[in-house]
Amino acid sequence: MPVWVAMVGVHPGSANRVVFGDTKGVFIWVASRAASADDFRRLLEADMKRQGLSVDEVSDVTLAQDALKERHGAEIDWERLIAKAEASPRPVIAPNFYFYEQD
């Protein structure tokens, strides 16, 4: 099953305030194995909900192999993120967080 990656905008719930503070939200890169882009979105949204995060937007959904080519040199360690996703039954979040402005 292929690995997909996407930039995801999430809004933290009250349980996540310790990690995310009072920000409006956070952009994160997420990778997961899925049969299709639609399956990836469904898996992603269900997993974020389990973690107390609501998904505001999902963008740049692409196959991992294409992300490696297109985003080479970015601050994300694509190889590590994709390898973790290949070995994980759940979506994997990159350690880089990009915070929205505060309310």
N, C-alpha and C. Protein backbone atom coordinates (compact mmCIF):
# COMPACT_ATOMS: atom_id res chain seq x y z
N MET A 1 0.85 -1.17 0.00
CA MET A 1 0.00 0.00 0.00
C MET A 1 0.90 1.24 0.00
N PRO A 2 0.61 2.22 -0.84
CA PRO A 2 1.48 3.41 -0.91
C PRO A 2 1.35 4.32 0.31
N VAL A 3 2.38 5.12 0.52
CA VAL A 3 2.37 6.13 1.57
C VAL A 3 2.00 7.47 0.93
N TRP A 4 1.13 8.20 1.60
CA TRP A 4 0.70 9.53 1.20
C TRP A 4 1.17 10.53 2.24
N VAL A 5 1.39 11.76 1.81
CA VAL A 5 1.74 12.84 2.75
C VAL A 5 0.86 14.04 2.46
N ALA A 6 0.67 14.87 3.48
CA ALA A 6 -0.12 16.09 3.33
C ALA A 6 0.24 17.09 4.41
N MET A 7 0.02 18.35 4.10
CA MET A 7 0.09 19.43 5.08
C MET A 7 -1.31 19.53 5.66
N VAL A 8 -1.39 19.48 6.99
CA VAL A 8 -2.69 19.45 7.67
C VAL A 8 -2.77 20.59 8.67
N GLY A 9 -3.84 21.35 8.60
CA GLY A 9 -4.11 22.39 9.58
C GLY A 9 -5.04 21.82 10.63
N VAL A 10 -4.62 21.83 11.88
CA VAL A 10 -5.44 21.29 12.95
C VAL A 10 -5.69 22.35 14.01
N HIS A 11 -6.81 22.20 14.68
CA HIS A 11 -7.17 23.07 15.78
C HIS A 11 -7.14 22.24 17.05
N PRO A 12 -6.28 22.61 18.00
CA PRO A 12 -6.18 21.82 19.22
C PRO A 12 -7.37 22.02 20.14
N GLY A 13 -7.79 20.94 20.77
CA GLY A 13 -8.83 21.00 21.78
C GLY A 13 -8.22 21.33 23.13
N SER A 14 -9.03 21.40 24.15
CA SER A 14 -8.54 21.77 25.47
C SER A 14 -7.53 20.77 26.00
N ALA A 15 -7.62 19.51 25.61
CA ALA A 15 -6.67 18.49 26.07
C ALA A 15 -5.28 18.71 25.49
N ASN A 16 -5.17 19.48 24.43
CA ASN A 16 -3.88 19.70 23.78
C ASN A 16 -3.25 21.03 24.12
N ARG A 17 -3.82 21.79 25.02
CA ARG A 17 -3.32 23.12 25.36
C ARG A 17 -1.90 23.09 25.92
N VAL A 18 -1.54 22.01 26.62
CA VAL A 18 -0.19 21.92 27.18
C VAL A 18 0.85 21.93 26.06
N VAL A 19 0.55 21.24 24.97
CA VAL A 19 1.48 21.16 23.84
C VAL A 19 1.40 22.40 22.96
N PHE A 20 0.18 22.85 22.64
CA PHE A 20 -0.01 23.89 21.64
C PHE A 20 -0.33 25.27 22.20
N GLY A 21 -0.55 25.39 23.50
CA GLY A 21 -0.84 26.70 24.10
C GLY A 21 -2.15 27.27 23.61
N ASP A 22 -2.20 28.59 23.46
CA ASP A 22 -3.42 29.28 23.06
C ASP A 22 -3.44 29.65 21.58
N THR A 23 -2.69 28.93 20.77
CA THR A 23 -2.69 29.24 19.35
C THR A 23 -4.03 28.92 18.73
N LYS A 24 -4.31 29.57 17.62
CA LYS A 24 -5.54 29.29 16.88
C LYS A 24 -5.47 27.88 16.29
N GLY A 25 -4.29 27.47 15.90
CA GLY A 25 -4.12 26.14 15.30
C GLY A 25 -2.68 25.92 14.88
N VAL A 26 -2.45 24.77 14.30
CA VAL A 26 -1.11 24.35 13.93
C VAL A 26 -1.15 23.66 12.57
N PHE A 27 -0.16 23.95 11.73
CA PHE A 27 0.05 23.17 10.52
C PHE A 27 1.07 22.10 10.82
N ILE A 28 0.80 20.88 10.37
CA ILE A 28 1.72 19.77 10.54
C ILE A 28 1.79 18.97 9.24
N TRP A 29 2.91 18.30 9.01
CA TRP A 29 3.02 17.34 7.92
C TRP A 29 2.69 15.97 8.48
N VAL A 30 1.88 15.22 7.75
CA VAL A 30 1.46 13.89 8.18
C VAL A 30 1.66 12.91 7.03
N ALA A 31 2.08 11.69 7.37
CA ALA A 31 2.24 10.62 6.37
C ALA A 31 1.54 9.37 6.87
N SER A 32 0.99 8.60 5.92
CA SER A 32 0.32 7.36 6.28
C SER A 32 0.18 6.47 5.04
N ARG A 33 0.13 5.17 5.31
CA ARG A 33 -0.20 4.23 4.24
C ARG A 33 -1.70 4.29 3.99
N ALA A 34 -2.09 4.27 2.72
CA ALA A 34 -3.51 4.29 2.36
C ALA A 34 -3.65 3.85 0.91
N ALA A 35 -4.80 3.30 0.59
CA ALA A 35 -5.05 2.81 -0.76
C ALA A 35 -5.23 3.95 -1.77
N SER A 36 -5.71 5.10 -1.28
CA SER A 36 -5.96 6.24 -2.18
C SER A 36 -5.87 7.54 -1.39
N ALA A 37 -5.92 8.64 -2.11
CA ALA A 37 -5.90 9.94 -1.44
C ALA A 37 -7.14 10.12 -0.56
N ASP A 38 -8.29 9.64 -1.02
CA ASP A 38 -9.51 9.74 -0.22
C ASP A 38 -9.41 8.90 1.05
N ASP A 39 -8.87 7.68 0.94
CA ASP A 39 -8.67 6.84 2.13
C ASP A 39 -7.71 7.51 3.10
N PHE A 40 -6.66 8.12 2.57
CA PHE A 40 -5.69 8.83 3.39
C PHE A 40 -6.38 9.93 4.20
N ARG A 41 -7.21 10.72 3.54
CA ARG A 41 -7.94 11.79 4.24
C ARG A 41 -8.83 11.24 5.36
N ARG A 42 -9.54 10.15 5.07
CA ARG A 42 -10.41 9.55 6.09
C ARG A 42 -9.61 9.04 7.28
N LEU A 43 -8.51 8.33 7.02
CA LEU A 43 -7.65 7.83 8.09
C LEU A 43 -7.09 8.98 8.92
N LEU A 44 -6.64 10.00 8.23
CA LEU A 44 -6.04 11.16 8.87
C LEU A 44 -7.04 11.86 9.79
N GLU A 45 -8.22 12.13 9.29
CA GLU A 45 -9.22 12.83 10.09
C GLU A 45 -9.65 12.01 11.30
N ALA A 46 -9.81 10.70 11.13
CA ALA A 46 -10.18 9.84 12.27
C ALA A 46 -9.07 9.81 13.32
N ASP A 47 -7.81 9.74 12.88
CA ASP A 47 -6.70 9.70 13.82
C ASP A 47 -6.54 11.03 14.55
N MET A 48 -6.69 12.14 13.86
CA MET A 48 -6.59 13.45 14.51
C MET A 48 -7.69 13.61 15.55
N LYS A 49 -8.89 13.14 15.23
CA LYS A 49 -10.00 13.22 16.18
C LYS A 49 -9.69 12.42 17.44
N ARG A 50 -9.10 11.22 17.28
CA ARG A 50 -8.72 10.40 18.44
C ARG A 50 -7.71 11.12 19.32
N GLN A 51 -6.92 12.00 18.71
CA GLN A 51 -5.89 12.73 19.46
C GLN A 51 -6.40 14.07 20.01
N GLY A 52 -7.68 14.34 19.83
CA GLY A 52 -8.26 15.58 20.35
C GLY A 52 -8.00 16.78 19.47
N LEU A 53 -7.74 16.55 18.20
CA LEU A 53 -7.49 17.63 17.25
C LEU A 53 -8.59 17.63 16.19
N SER A 54 -9.09 18.80 15.84
CA SER A 54 -10.03 18.88 14.73
C SER A 54 -9.28 19.38 13.50
N VAL A 55 -9.57 18.79 12.37
CA VAL A 55 -8.89 19.12 11.13
C VAL A 55 -9.56 20.33 10.49
N ASP A 56 -8.79 21.40 10.30
CA ASP A 56 -9.29 22.60 9.63
C ASP A 56 -9.13 22.49 8.12
N GLU A 57 -8.01 21.92 7.69
CA GLU A 57 -7.77 21.77 6.25
C GLU A 57 -6.71 20.71 6.00
N VAL A 58 -6.79 20.12 4.82
CA VAL A 58 -5.79 19.16 4.35
C VAL A 58 -5.37 19.62 2.97
N SER A 59 -4.08 19.88 2.80
CA SER A 59 -3.62 20.36 1.50
C SER A 59 -2.34 19.64 1.09
N ASP A 60 -2.00 19.79 -0.16
CA ASP A 60 -0.79 19.20 -0.72
C ASP A 60 -0.75 17.68 -0.56
N VAL A 61 -1.90 17.02 -0.68
CA VAL A 61 -1.93 15.55 -0.59
C VAL A 61 -1.19 15.00 -1.81
N THR A 62 -0.17 14.20 -1.54
CA THR A 62 0.62 13.64 -2.63
C THR A 62 1.21 12.30 -2.20
N LEU A 63 1.55 11.49 -3.17
CA LEU A 63 2.24 10.25 -2.88
C LEU A 63 3.62 10.56 -2.32
N ALA A 64 4.08 9.73 -1.41
CA ALA A 64 5.37 9.95 -0.75
C ALA A 64 6.51 10.03 -1.76
N GLN A 65 6.48 9.18 -2.75
CA GLN A 65 7.57 9.18 -3.75
C GLN A 65 7.64 10.53 -4.48
N ASP A 66 6.50 11.15 -4.71
CA ASP A 66 6.48 12.47 -5.35
C ASP A 66 6.94 13.55 -4.39
N ALA A 67 6.58 13.42 -3.12
CA ALA A 67 7.02 14.39 -2.11
C ALA A 67 8.55 14.37 -2.00
N LEU A 68 9.13 13.20 -2.07
CA LEU A 68 10.60 13.11 -2.01
C LEU A 68 11.25 13.89 -3.15
N LYS A 69 10.66 13.81 -4.33
CA LYS A 69 11.21 14.51 -5.50
C LYS A 69 10.96 16.01 -5.43
N GLU A 70 9.73 16.39 -5.11
CA GLU A 70 9.32 17.80 -5.17
C GLU A 70 9.80 18.63 -3.99
N ARG A 71 9.95 18.02 -2.84
CA ARG A 71 10.26 18.78 -1.64
C ARG A 71 11.65 18.48 -1.10
N HIS A 72 12.50 17.96 -1.94
CA HIS A 72 13.87 17.65 -1.50
C HIS A 72 14.55 18.95 -1.04
N GLY A 73 15.21 18.89 0.08
CA GLY A 73 15.90 20.06 0.60
C GLY A 73 15.06 20.87 1.58
N ALA A 74 13.79 20.49 1.77
CA ALA A 74 12.95 21.20 2.74
C ALA A 74 13.39 20.82 4.15
N GLU A 75 12.88 21.53 5.14
CA GLU A 75 13.29 21.27 6.52
C GLU A 75 12.69 19.99 7.09
N ILE A 76 11.81 19.33 6.37
CA ILE A 76 11.25 18.05 6.80
C ILE A 76 12.20 16.95 6.37
N ASP A 77 12.44 15.98 7.25
CA ASP A 77 13.23 14.80 6.89
C ASP A 77 12.26 13.80 6.26
N TRP A 78 12.04 13.96 4.96
CA TRP A 78 11.04 13.17 4.25
C TRP A 78 11.32 11.68 4.34
N GLU A 79 12.59 11.30 4.19
CA GLU A 79 12.92 9.87 4.24
C GLU A 79 12.52 9.25 5.58
N ARG A 80 12.82 9.93 6.67
CA ARG A 80 12.48 9.41 8.00
C ARG A 80 10.97 9.36 8.20
N LEU A 81 10.27 10.44 7.82
CA LEU A 81 8.82 10.48 7.96
C LEU A 81 8.16 9.35 7.18
N ILE A 82 8.59 9.14 5.96
CA ILE A 82 8.00 8.10 5.11
C ILE A 82 8.32 6.71 5.64
N ALA A 83 9.56 6.51 6.10
CA ALA A 83 9.93 5.20 6.67
C ALA A 83 9.08 4.88 7.90
N LYS A 84 8.85 5.88 8.74
CA LYS A 84 8.01 5.66 9.92
C LYS A 84 6.58 5.32 9.51
N ALA A 85 6.07 6.00 8.49
CA ALA A 85 4.71 5.74 8.02
C ALA A 85 4.59 4.34 7.41
N GLU A 86 5.61 3.89 6.73
CA GLU A 86 5.59 2.54 6.15
C GLU A 86 5.49 1.47 7.24
N ALA A 87 6.06 1.74 8.41
CA ALA A 87 6.09 0.77 9.51
C ALA A 87 4.96 0.94 10.51
N SER A 88 4.15 1.99 10.35
CA SER A 88 3.13 2.30 11.35
C SER A 88 1.71 1.98 10.85
N PRO A 89 0.87 1.45 11.73
CA PRO A 89 -0.52 1.22 11.34
C PRO A 89 -1.36 2.51 11.38
N ARG A 90 -0.81 3.59 11.98
CA ARG A 90 -1.51 4.87 12.10
C ARG A 90 -0.73 5.97 11.40
N PRO A 91 -1.38 7.08 11.10
CA PRO A 91 -0.66 8.22 10.52
C PRO A 91 0.47 8.69 11.43
N VAL A 92 1.54 9.18 10.82
CA VAL A 92 2.72 9.65 11.53
C VAL A 92 2.85 11.16 11.30
N ILE A 93 3.10 11.89 12.37
CA ILE A 93 3.22 13.35 12.31
C ILE A 93 4.69 13.73 12.35
N ALA A 94 5.11 14.59 11.42
CA ALA A 94 6.48 15.11 11.44
C ALA A 94 6.66 15.98 12.68
N PRO A 95 7.88 16.08 13.20
CA PRO A 95 8.10 16.84 14.44
C PRO A 95 8.07 18.36 14.26
N ASN A 96 7.94 18.84 13.03
CA ASN A 96 7.91 20.28 12.77
C ASN A 96 6.49 20.80 12.86
N PHE A 97 6.23 21.78 13.74
CA PHE A 97 4.92 22.41 13.89
C PHE A 97 5.01 23.85 13.40
N TYR A 98 3.98 24.31 12.71
CA TYR A 98 3.90 25.69 12.23
C TYR A 98 2.62 26.30 12.80
N PHE A 99 2.77 27.19 13.77
CA PHE A 99 1.62 27.72 14.50
C PHE A 99 0.89 28.82 13.74
N TYR A 100 -0.45 28.80 13.81
CA TYR A 100 -1.28 29.89 13.31
C TYR A 100 -1.09 31.06 14.29
N GLU A 101 -1.56 32.20 13.90
CA GLU A 101 -1.58 33.35 14.81
C GLU A 101 -2.55 33.09 15.95
N GLN A 102 -2.29 33.71 17.09
CA GLN A 102 -3.21 33.60 18.22
C GLN A 102 -4.49 34.36 17.93
N ASP A 103 -5.59 33.92 18.60
CA ASP A 103 -6.88 34.63 18.47
C ASP A 103 -6.77 36.01 19.05
